[in-house]
Every structure is written in structure tokens, then in C-alpha cells.
Amino acid sequence: MTKRRTVTIRNVDEDVLALLSEIREKERRQLAAILEDCVHAYWAAYYDAEE
């Protein structure tokens, strides 16, 4: 597992930081949904192969 780096951002508008944070959260949710779909597809294929 990799450690997250702390980055200091100076002279950046708080609205921009909030927008970047929102985009990052949306990306995390999308990646989680993709991973969930992959896991479901894997298990569906696994159980279909056993039958």
C-alpha cells in the first residue's frame, strides 16, 4: 500500500481547492463502481464455469 503524499498549495483560491476535492471524490466513486462491476463479473464467470 502506498502512502499518500501531502502537498501544500499556496496562492490558490479556496473555490478551486473545493472543486478539485469534489472532482477527486467523484473519481474515487467511479473507480469504486468499476471495481465492484469487475468483482461481480469475475464471480459470475467463476460460478458459470463451475456449472
N, C-alpha and C. Protein backbone atom coordinates (compact mmCIF):
# COMPACT_ATOMS: atom_id res chain seq x y z
N MET A 1 0.85 -1.18 0.00
CA MET A 1 0.00 0.00 0.00
C MET A 1 0.89 1.24 0.00
N THR A 2 0.56 2.19 -0.84
CA THR A 2 1.37 3.39 -0.93
C THR A 2 0.84 4.46 0.01
N LYS A 3 1.76 5.25 0.50
CA LYS A 3 1.38 6.37 1.35
C LYS A 3 0.98 7.54 0.48
N ARG A 4 0.00 8.27 0.95
CA ARG A 4 -0.39 9.49 0.25
C ARG A 4 0.55 10.61 0.64
N ARG A 5 0.95 11.36 -0.35
CA ARG A 5 1.82 12.49 -0.08
C ARG A 5 0.99 13.71 0.27
N THR A 6 1.51 14.52 1.14
CA THR A 6 0.86 15.78 1.49
C THR A 6 1.46 16.86 0.61
N VAL A 7 0.59 17.59 -0.06
CA VAL A 7 1.04 18.65 -0.95
C VAL A 7 0.51 19.98 -0.42
N THR A 8 1.38 20.94 -0.33
CA THR A 8 0.98 22.27 0.09
C THR A 8 0.75 23.13 -1.14
N ILE A 9 -0.41 23.75 -1.19
CA ILE A 9 -0.76 24.59 -2.34
C ILE A 9 -0.90 26.02 -1.82
N ARG A 10 -0.11 26.90 -2.39
CA ARG A 10 -0.15 28.29 -1.96
C ARG A 10 -0.77 29.15 -3.05
N ASN A 11 -1.36 30.23 -2.62
CA ASN A 11 -1.94 31.22 -3.53
C ASN A 11 -2.97 30.61 -4.48
N VAL A 12 -3.76 29.69 -3.98
CA VAL A 12 -4.82 29.09 -4.79
C VAL A 12 -6.15 29.41 -4.11
N ASP A 13 -7.10 29.81 -4.91
CA ASP A 13 -8.42 30.17 -4.41
C ASP A 13 -9.07 28.97 -3.73
N GLU A 14 -9.75 29.22 -2.63
CA GLU A 14 -10.41 28.14 -1.89
C GLU A 14 -11.48 27.45 -2.74
N ASP A 15 -12.14 28.20 -3.63
CA ASP A 15 -13.14 27.59 -4.51
C ASP A 15 -12.50 26.56 -5.43
N VAL A 16 -11.30 26.85 -5.89
CA VAL A 16 -10.59 25.91 -6.76
C VAL A 16 -10.24 24.65 -5.98
N LEU A 17 -9.78 24.82 -4.76
CA LEU A 17 -9.45 23.66 -3.93
C LEU A 17 -10.69 22.82 -3.65
N ALA A 18 -11.82 23.47 -3.41
CA ALA A 18 -13.07 22.74 -3.18
C ALA A 18 -13.48 21.98 -4.43
N LEU A 19 -13.32 22.60 -5.59
CA LEU A 19 -13.65 21.95 -6.86
C LEU A 19 -12.75 20.74 -7.10
N LEU A 20 -11.46 20.90 -6.86
CA LEU A 20 -10.53 19.78 -7.01
C LEU A 20 -10.87 18.63 -6.06
N SER A 21 -11.24 18.97 -4.86
CA SER A 21 -11.63 17.96 -3.88
C SER A 21 -12.89 17.22 -4.34
N GLU A 22 -13.84 17.95 -4.88
CA GLU A 22 -15.08 17.35 -5.39
C GLU A 22 -14.79 16.42 -6.57
N ILE A 23 -13.92 16.86 -7.47
CA ILE A 23 -13.55 16.03 -8.62
C ILE A 23 -12.86 14.76 -8.15
N ARG A 24 -11.97 14.88 -7.20
CA ARG A 24 -11.26 13.72 -6.67
C ARG A 24 -12.24 12.72 -6.05
N GLU A 25 -13.22 13.21 -5.31
CA GLU A 25 -14.22 12.34 -4.69
C GLU A 25 -15.06 11.63 -5.74
N LYS A 26 -15.44 12.34 -6.80
CA LYS A 26 -16.20 11.72 -7.89
C LYS A 26 -15.38 10.63 -8.56
N GLU A 27 -14.10 10.89 -8.77
CA GLU A 27 -13.22 9.89 -9.37
C GLU A 27 -13.13 8.64 -8.50
N ARG A 28 -13.04 8.83 -7.20
CA ARG A 28 -12.98 7.69 -6.28
C ARG A 28 -14.26 6.85 -6.36
N ARG A 29 -15.41 7.53 -6.40
CA ARG A 29 -16.68 6.79 -6.50
C ARG A 29 -16.77 6.04 -7.82
N GLN A 30 -16.32 6.66 -8.90
CA GLN A 30 -16.35 5.99 -10.21
C GLN A 30 -15.43 4.78 -10.21
N LEU A 31 -14.24 4.93 -9.66
CA LEU A 31 -13.31 3.79 -9.60
C LEU A 31 -13.86 2.67 -8.74
N ALA A 32 -14.50 3.03 -7.64
CA ALA A 32 -15.10 2.01 -6.78
C ALA A 32 -16.20 1.27 -7.52
N ALA A 33 -17.01 1.99 -8.30
CA ALA A 33 -18.07 1.34 -9.07
C ALA A 33 -17.49 0.41 -10.13
N ILE A 34 -16.42 0.84 -10.78
CA ILE A 34 -15.77 0.00 -11.80
C ILE A 34 -15.22 -1.27 -11.15
N LEU A 35 -14.55 -1.12 -10.02
CA LEU A 35 -14.01 -2.29 -9.32
C LEU A 35 -15.12 -3.23 -8.88
N GLU A 36 -16.21 -2.67 -8.40
CA GLU A 36 -17.34 -3.50 -7.98
C GLU A 36 -17.89 -4.29 -9.16
N ASP A 37 -18.04 -3.64 -10.31
CA ASP A 37 -18.51 -4.33 -11.51
C ASP A 37 -17.55 -5.45 -11.92
N CYS A 38 -16.25 -5.18 -11.82
CA CYS A 38 -15.26 -6.20 -12.17
C CYS A 38 -15.34 -7.41 -11.24
N VAL A 39 -15.51 -7.16 -9.96
CA VAL A 39 -15.62 -8.26 -9.00
C VAL A 39 -16.87 -9.08 -9.28
N HIS A 40 -17.99 -8.41 -9.53
CA HIS A 40 -19.23 -9.13 -9.84
C HIS A 40 -19.08 -9.95 -11.11
N ALA A 41 -18.45 -9.38 -12.13
CA ALA A 41 -18.25 -10.11 -13.39
C ALA A 41 -17.34 -11.31 -13.18
N TYR A 42 -16.30 -11.14 -12.36
CA TYR A 42 -15.39 -12.25 -12.08
C TYR A 42 -16.13 -13.39 -11.41
N TRP A 43 -16.88 -13.08 -10.36
CA TRP A 43 -17.58 -14.14 -9.64
C TRP A 43 -18.67 -14.77 -10.49
N ALA A 44 -19.34 -13.99 -11.31
CA ALA A 44 -20.35 -14.55 -12.21
C ALA A 44 -19.70 -15.53 -13.18
N ALA A 45 -18.55 -15.16 -13.73
CA ALA A 45 -17.84 -16.04 -14.66
C ALA A 45 -17.32 -17.27 -13.92
N TYR A 46 -16.87 -17.09 -12.69
CA TYR A 46 -16.35 -18.21 -11.89
C TYR A 46 -17.45 -19.23 -11.63
N TYR A 47 -18.61 -18.76 -11.21
CA TYR A 47 -19.71 -19.68 -10.91
C TYR A 47 -20.29 -20.30 -12.17
N ASP A 48 -20.32 -19.55 -13.27
CA ASP A 48 -20.79 -20.11 -14.54
C ASP A 48 -19.86 -21.21 -15.03
N ALA A 49 -18.56 -21.05 -14.78
CA ALA A 49 -17.58 -22.05 -15.22
C ALA A 49 -17.71 -23.34 -14.42
N GLU A 50 -18.14 -23.23 -13.16
CA GLU A 50 -18.30 -24.41 -12.32
C GLU A 50 -19.53 -25.23 -12.71
N GLU A 51 -20.52 -24.59 -13.29
CA GLU A 51 -21.76 -25.29 -13.63
C GLU A 51 -21.66 -26.03 -14.89
